[in-house]
C-alpha atoms as a PDB file:
ATOM      1  CA  MET A   1     -52.055 111.983   6.208  1.00  0.00           C
ATOM      2  CA  GLU A   2     -51.888 115.107   8.379  1.00  0.00           C
ATOM      3  CA  LYS A   3     -52.556 114.645  12.071  1.00  0.00           C
ATOM      4  CA  LYS A   4     -55.556 116.642  13.295  1.00  0.00           C
ATOM      5  CA  ARG A   5     -54.589 119.188  15.945  1.00  0.00           C
ATOM      6  CA  THR A   6     -56.966 119.671  18.801  1.00  0.00           C
ATOM      7  CA  LYS A   7     -57.262 122.983  20.571  1.00  0.00           C
ATOM      8  CA  LYS A   8     -55.574 123.178  23.949  1.00  0.00           C
ATOM      9  CA  TYR A   9     -58.167 125.021  26.016  1.00  0.00           C
ATOM     10  CA  LYS A  10     -57.283 127.637  28.591  1.00  0.00           C
ATOM     11  CA  ILE A  11     -59.128 127.033  31.833  1.00  0.00           C
ATOM     12  CA  TYR A  12     -59.473 129.074  35.006  1.00  0.00           C
ATOM     13  CA  LEU A  13     -60.356 127.340  38.266  1.00  0.00           C
ATOM     14  CA  ASP A  14     -61.597 129.718  40.944  1.00  0.00           C
ATOM     15  CA  ASN A  15     -60.733 129.487  44.623  1.00  0.00           C
ATOM     16  CA  CYS A  16     -63.895 127.496  45.462  1.00  0.00           C
ATOM     17  CA  CYS A  17     -62.889 124.909  42.895  1.00  0.00           C
ATOM     18  CA  PHE A  18     -59.337 124.629  44.226  1.00  0.00           C
ATOM     19  CA  ASN A  19     -60.720 124.153  47.741  1.00  0.00           C
ATOM     20  CA  ARG A  20     -63.372 121.566  46.836  1.00  0.00           C
ATOM     21  CA  PRO A  21     -61.228 118.517  47.773  1.00  0.00           C
ATOM     22  CA  TYR A  22     -60.872 119.942  51.297  1.00  0.00           C
ATOM     23  CA  ASP A  23     -64.631 120.274  51.860  1.00  0.00           C
ATOM     24  CA  ASN A  24     -66.665 117.645  53.728  1.00  0.00           C
ATOM     25  CA  GLN A  25     -66.805 114.731  51.288  1.00  0.00           C
ATOM     26  CA  SER A  26     -69.829 113.066  52.901  1.00  0.00           C
ATOM     27  CA  ASP A  27     -72.121 115.153  50.670  1.00  0.00           C
ATOM     28  CA  ARG A  28     -72.529 113.312  47.361  1.00  0.00           C
ATOM     29  CA  ARG A  29     -72.441 116.471  45.229  1.00  0.00           C
ATOM     30  CA  ILE A  30     -69.233 117.686  46.884  1.00  0.00           C
ATOM     31  CA  HIS A  31     -67.625 114.274  46.443  1.00  0.00           C
ATOM     32  CA  ILE A  32     -68.534 114.096  42.735  1.00  0.00           C
ATOM     33  CA  GLU A  33     -67.329 117.663  42.109  1.00  0.00           C
ATOM     34  CA  THR A  34     -64.100 116.807  43.929  1.00  0.00           C
ATOM     35  CA  GLU A  35     -63.501 113.784  41.732  1.00  0.00           C
ATOM     36  CA  ALA A  36     -64.169 115.861  38.627  1.00  0.00           C
ATOM     37  CA  LYS A  37     -61.836 118.624  39.817  1.00  0.00           C
ATOM     38  CA  LEU A  38     -59.064 116.111  40.553  1.00  0.00           C
ATOM     39  CA  PHE A  39     -59.532 114.630  37.073  1.00  0.00           C
ATOM     40  CA  ILE A  40     -59.213 118.120  35.560  1.00  0.00           C
ATOM     41  CA  GLN A  41     -56.026 118.677  37.545  1.00  0.00           C
ATOM     42  CA  GLU A  42     -54.594 115.462  36.109  1.00  0.00           C
ATOM     43  CA  MET A  43     -55.442 116.719  32.628  1.00  0.00           C
ATOM     44  CA  ILE A  44     -53.622 119.972  33.428  1.00  0.00           C
ATOM     45  CA  LYS A  45     -50.569 118.050  34.649  1.00  0.00           C
ATOM     46  CA  ASN A  46     -50.683 115.997  31.428  1.00  0.00           C
ATOM     47  CA  LYS A  47     -50.649 119.267  29.438  1.00  0.00           C
ATOM     48  CA  THR A  48     -54.106 118.677  27.972  1.00  0.00           C
ATOM     49  CA  TYR A  49     -55.231 122.121  29.166  1.00  0.00           C
ATOM     50  CA  HIS A  50     -53.532 125.442  29.940  1.00  0.00           C
ATOM     51  CA  LEU A  51     -54.118 126.544  33.534  1.00  0.00           C
ATOM     52  CA  VAL A  52     -54.677 130.247  34.120  1.00  0.00           C
ATOM     53  CA  TRP A  53     -53.716 131.795  37.471  1.00  0.00           C
ATOM     54  CA  SER A  54     -54.355 135.316  38.786  1.00  0.00           C
ATOM     55  CA  TYR A  55     -53.503 137.814  41.467  1.00  0.00           C
ATOM     56  CA  ILE A  56     -56.965 137.347  43.010  1.00  0.00           C
ATOM     57  CA  LEU A  57     -56.252 133.618  43.429  1.00  0.00           C
ATOM     58  CA  ASP A  58     -53.055 134.640  45.232  1.00  0.00           C
ATOM     59  CA  PHE A  59     -55.009 137.053  47.420  1.00  0.00           C
ATOM     60  CA  GLU A  60     -57.840 134.679  48.301  1.00  0.00           C
ATOM     61  CA  ASN A  61     -55.616 131.680  48.888  1.00  0.00           C
ATOM     62  CA  SER A  62     -53.310 133.763  51.111  1.00  0.00           C
ATOM     63  CA  ALA A  63     -56.238 134.229  53.491  1.00  0.00           C
ATOM     64  CA  ASN A  64     -56.671 130.469  53.966  1.00  0.00           C
ATOM     65  CA  PRO A  65     -56.041 129.757  57.666  1.00  0.00           C
ATOM     66  CA  ASP A  66     -54.887 126.190  56.946  1.00  0.00           C
ATOM     67  CA  ASP A  67     -51.227 126.467  55.905  1.00  0.00           C
ATOM     68  CA  GLU A  68     -51.098 122.939  54.472  1.00  0.00           C
ATOM     69  CA  ILE A  69     -54.079 123.526  52.182  1.00  0.00           C
ATOM     70  CA  LYS A  70     -52.825 126.993  51.275  1.00  0.00           C
ATOM     71  CA  ASN A  71     -49.423 125.609  50.260  1.00  0.00           C
ATOM     72  CA  ARG A  72     -50.943 122.762  48.233  1.00  0.00           C
ATOM     73  CA  ILE A  73     -53.079 125.221  46.294  1.00  0.00           C
ATOM     74  CA  PHE A  74     -50.187 127.650  45.774  1.00  0.00           C
ATOM     75  CA  LYS A  75     -48.238 124.850  44.047  1.00  0.00           C
ATOM     76  CA  TRP A  76     -50.724 125.152  41.175  1.00  0.00           C
ATOM     77  CA  LYS A  77     -49.430 128.631  40.452  1.00  0.00           C
ATOM     78  CA  ASN A  78     -46.177 126.983  39.329  1.00  0.00           C
ATOM     79  CA  VAL A  79     -48.138 124.673  37.035  1.00  0.00           C
ATOM     80  CA  SER A  80     -50.078 127.524  35.458  1.00  0.00           C
ATOM     81  CA  GLU A  81     -49.000 128.778  32.057  1.00  0.00           C
ATOM     82  CA  ILE A  82     -50.619 132.207  32.322  1.00  0.00           C
ATOM     83  CA  ASN A  83     -50.698 134.548  35.320  1.00  0.00           C
ATOM     84  CA  ILE A  84     -52.941 137.607  35.191  1.00  0.00           C
ATOM     85  CA  LEU A  85     -51.939 140.611  37.255  1.00  0.00           C
ATOM     86  CA  GLU A  86     -54.199 143.478  38.218  1.00  0.00           C
ATOM     87  CA  ASN A  87     -54.612 146.047  35.465  1.00  0.00           C
ATOM     88  CA  ASP A  88     -57.137 148.686  34.407  1.00  0.00           C
ATOM     89  CA  ALA A  89     -58.986 146.401  31.996  1.00  0.00           C
ATOM     90  CA  VAL A  90     -59.444 143.730  34.674  1.00  0.00           C
ATOM     91  CA  VAL A  91     -60.772 146.267  37.184  1.00  0.00           C
ATOM     92  CA  VAL A  92     -63.181 147.912  34.716  1.00  0.00           C
ATOM     93  CA  ARG A  93     -64.562 144.543  33.588  1.00  0.00           C
ATOM     94  CA  ALA A  94     -64.891 143.371  37.204  1.00  0.00           C
ATOM     95  CA  LYS A  95     -67.003 146.452  37.990  1.00  0.00           C
ATOM     96  CA  GLU A  96     -69.325 145.507  35.123  1.00  0.00           C
ATOM     97  CA  TYR A  97     -69.685 141.976  36.514  1.00  0.00           C
ATOM     98  CA  LYS A  98     -70.307 143.339  39.996  1.00  0.00           C
ATOM     99  CA  ASN A  99     -73.110 145.488  38.544  1.00  0.00           C
ATOM    100  CA  GLN A 100     -74.624 142.265  37.209  1.00  0.00           C
ATOM    101  CA  GLY A 101     -74.925 140.917  40.742  1.00  0.00           C
ATOM    102  CA  LEU A 102     -71.636 139.122  41.353  1.00  0.00           C
ATOM    103  CA  GLY A 103     -69.493 139.660  44.439  1.00  0.00           C
ATOM    104  CA  VAL A 104     -66.278 141.677  44.271  1.00  0.00           C
ATOM    105  CA  LYS A 105     -63.871 138.700  44.408  1.00  0.00           C
ATOM    106  CA  ASP A 106     -66.024 136.615  42.051  1.00  0.00           C
ATOM    107  CA  SER A 107     -66.077 139.530  39.605  1.00  0.00           C
ATOM    108  CA  LEU A 108     -62.305 139.823  39.762  1.00  0.00           C
ATOM    109  CA  HIS A 109     -61.843 136.081  39.174  1.00  0.00           C
ATOM    110  CA  LEU A 110     -64.112 136.194  36.127  1.00  0.00           C
ATOM    111  CA  SER A 111     -62.455 139.320  34.809  1.00  0.00           C
ATOM    112  CA  CYS A 112     -59.000 137.746  35.119  1.00  0.00           C
ATOM    113  CA  ALA A 113     -60.216 134.646  33.295  1.00  0.00           C
ATOM    114  CA  VAL A 114     -61.583 136.793  30.466  1.00  0.00           C
ATOM    115  CA  GLU A 115     -58.382 138.878  30.396  1.00  0.00           C
ATOM    116  CA  ALA A 116     -56.453 135.646  29.765  1.00  0.00           C
ATOM    117  CA  SER A 117     -58.900 134.706  26.982  1.00  0.00           C
ATOM    118  CA  SER A 118     -59.801 131.590  28.955  1.00  0.00           C
ATOM    119  CA  ASP A 119     -62.202 129.240  27.261  1.00  0.00           C
ATOM    120  CA  PHE A 120     -63.742 127.994  30.503  1.00  0.00           C
ATOM    121  CA  PHE A 121     -64.249 129.354  34.009  1.00  0.00           C
ATOM    122  CA  ILE A 122     -64.650 126.378  36.332  1.00  0.00           C
ATOM    123  CA  THR A 123     -66.310 126.902  39.702  1.00  0.00           C
ATOM    124  CA  THR A 124     -68.327 125.113  42.359  1.00  0.00           C
ATOM    125  CA  ASP A 125     -69.834 128.422  43.528  1.00  0.00           C
ATOM    126  CA  ASP A 126     -73.615 128.339  43.048  1.00  0.00           C
ATOM    127  CA  GLY A 127     -73.774 132.138  43.145  1.00  0.00           C
ATOM    128  CA  ILE A 128     -71.533 132.415  40.098  1.00  0.00           C
ATOM    129  CA  LEU A 129     -73.174 129.485  38.329  1.00  0.00           C
ATOM    130  CA  SER A 130     -76.616 131.088  38.789  1.00  0.00           C
ATOM    131  CA  LYS A 131     -75.419 134.204  36.926  1.00  0.00           C
ATOM    132  CA  LYS A 132     -73.624 132.431  34.082  1.00  0.00           C
ATOM    133  CA  GLU A 133     -76.253 133.461  31.520  1.00  0.00           C
ATOM    134  CA  LYS A 134     -75.363 137.117  32.155  1.00  0.00           C
ATOM    135  CA  ILE A 135     -71.677 136.636  31.299  1.00  0.00           C
ATOM    136  CA  ASN A 136     -71.342 136.204  27.541  1.00  0.00           C
ATOM    137  CA  ASN A 137     -67.606 136.208  26.941  1.00  0.00           C
ATOM    138  CA  ILE A 138     -66.660 132.968  28.744  1.00  0.00           C
ATOM    139  CA  LYS A 139     -68.226 129.577  29.430  1.00  0.00           C
ATOM    140  CA  ILE A 140     -68.929 129.181  33.159  1.00  0.00           C
ATOM    141  CA  VAL A 141     -69.286 125.574  34.320  1.00  0.00           C
ATOM    142  CA  ASN A 142     -68.859 123.382  37.348  1.00  0.00           C
ATOM    143  CA  PRO A 143     -66.155 120.669  37.178  1.00  0.00           C
ATOM    144  CA  VAL A 144     -68.610 117.866  36.377  1.00  0.00           C
ATOM    145  CA  ASP A 145     -70.178 119.774  33.487  1.00  0.00           C
ATOM    146  CA  PHE A 146     -66.736 120.609  32.138  1.00  0.00           C
ATOM    147  CA  ILE A 147     -65.829 116.929  31.939  1.00  0.00           C
ATOM    148  CA  VAL A 148     -69.131 116.087  30.280  1.00  0.00           C
ATOM    149  CA  ILE A 149     -68.746 118.951  27.761  1.00  0.00           C
ATOM    150  CA  LYS A 150     -65.161 117.974  26.924  1.00  0.00           C
ATOM    151  CA  GLY A 151     -66.002 114.264  26.714  1.00  0.00           C
ATOM    152  CA  GLY A 152     -63.550 113.309  29.456  1.00  0.00           C
ATOM    153  CA  ILE A 153     -65.640 110.439  30.754  1.00  0.00           C
ATOM    154  CA  LYS A 154     -64.926 107.207  28.897  1.00  0.00           C
END
């Protein structure tokens, strides 16, 4: 009997998502999103998902004033399997997203995720999540919804 192969999804975590564990955990929502994000990271380490990285993650993380947090997040670049650099297609697509009401950096993150043919864009940013219906070429979810969609909770 042939073993059924499951698709190994490509996922993009934006800077907000990477920083979630360093936010104030006394808020229940933040704590739950942190736990979900940490679970996703374990799945990435276990090679269940492909992690996508980008030049805009490099740029945004470089601005983090906390060197310890910055260095912890940068370690994920080494875990990533795909790294998207700036190119004309990314910039043009980002301008389209910006015209749909997203910020410049958010637009670049989304455009990089699409450039990598990511299956999911994972964020804790309510501004991006509120516009997810306008972006048709990628599923935009928060970490908790991603786990529920992928059936990660047993």
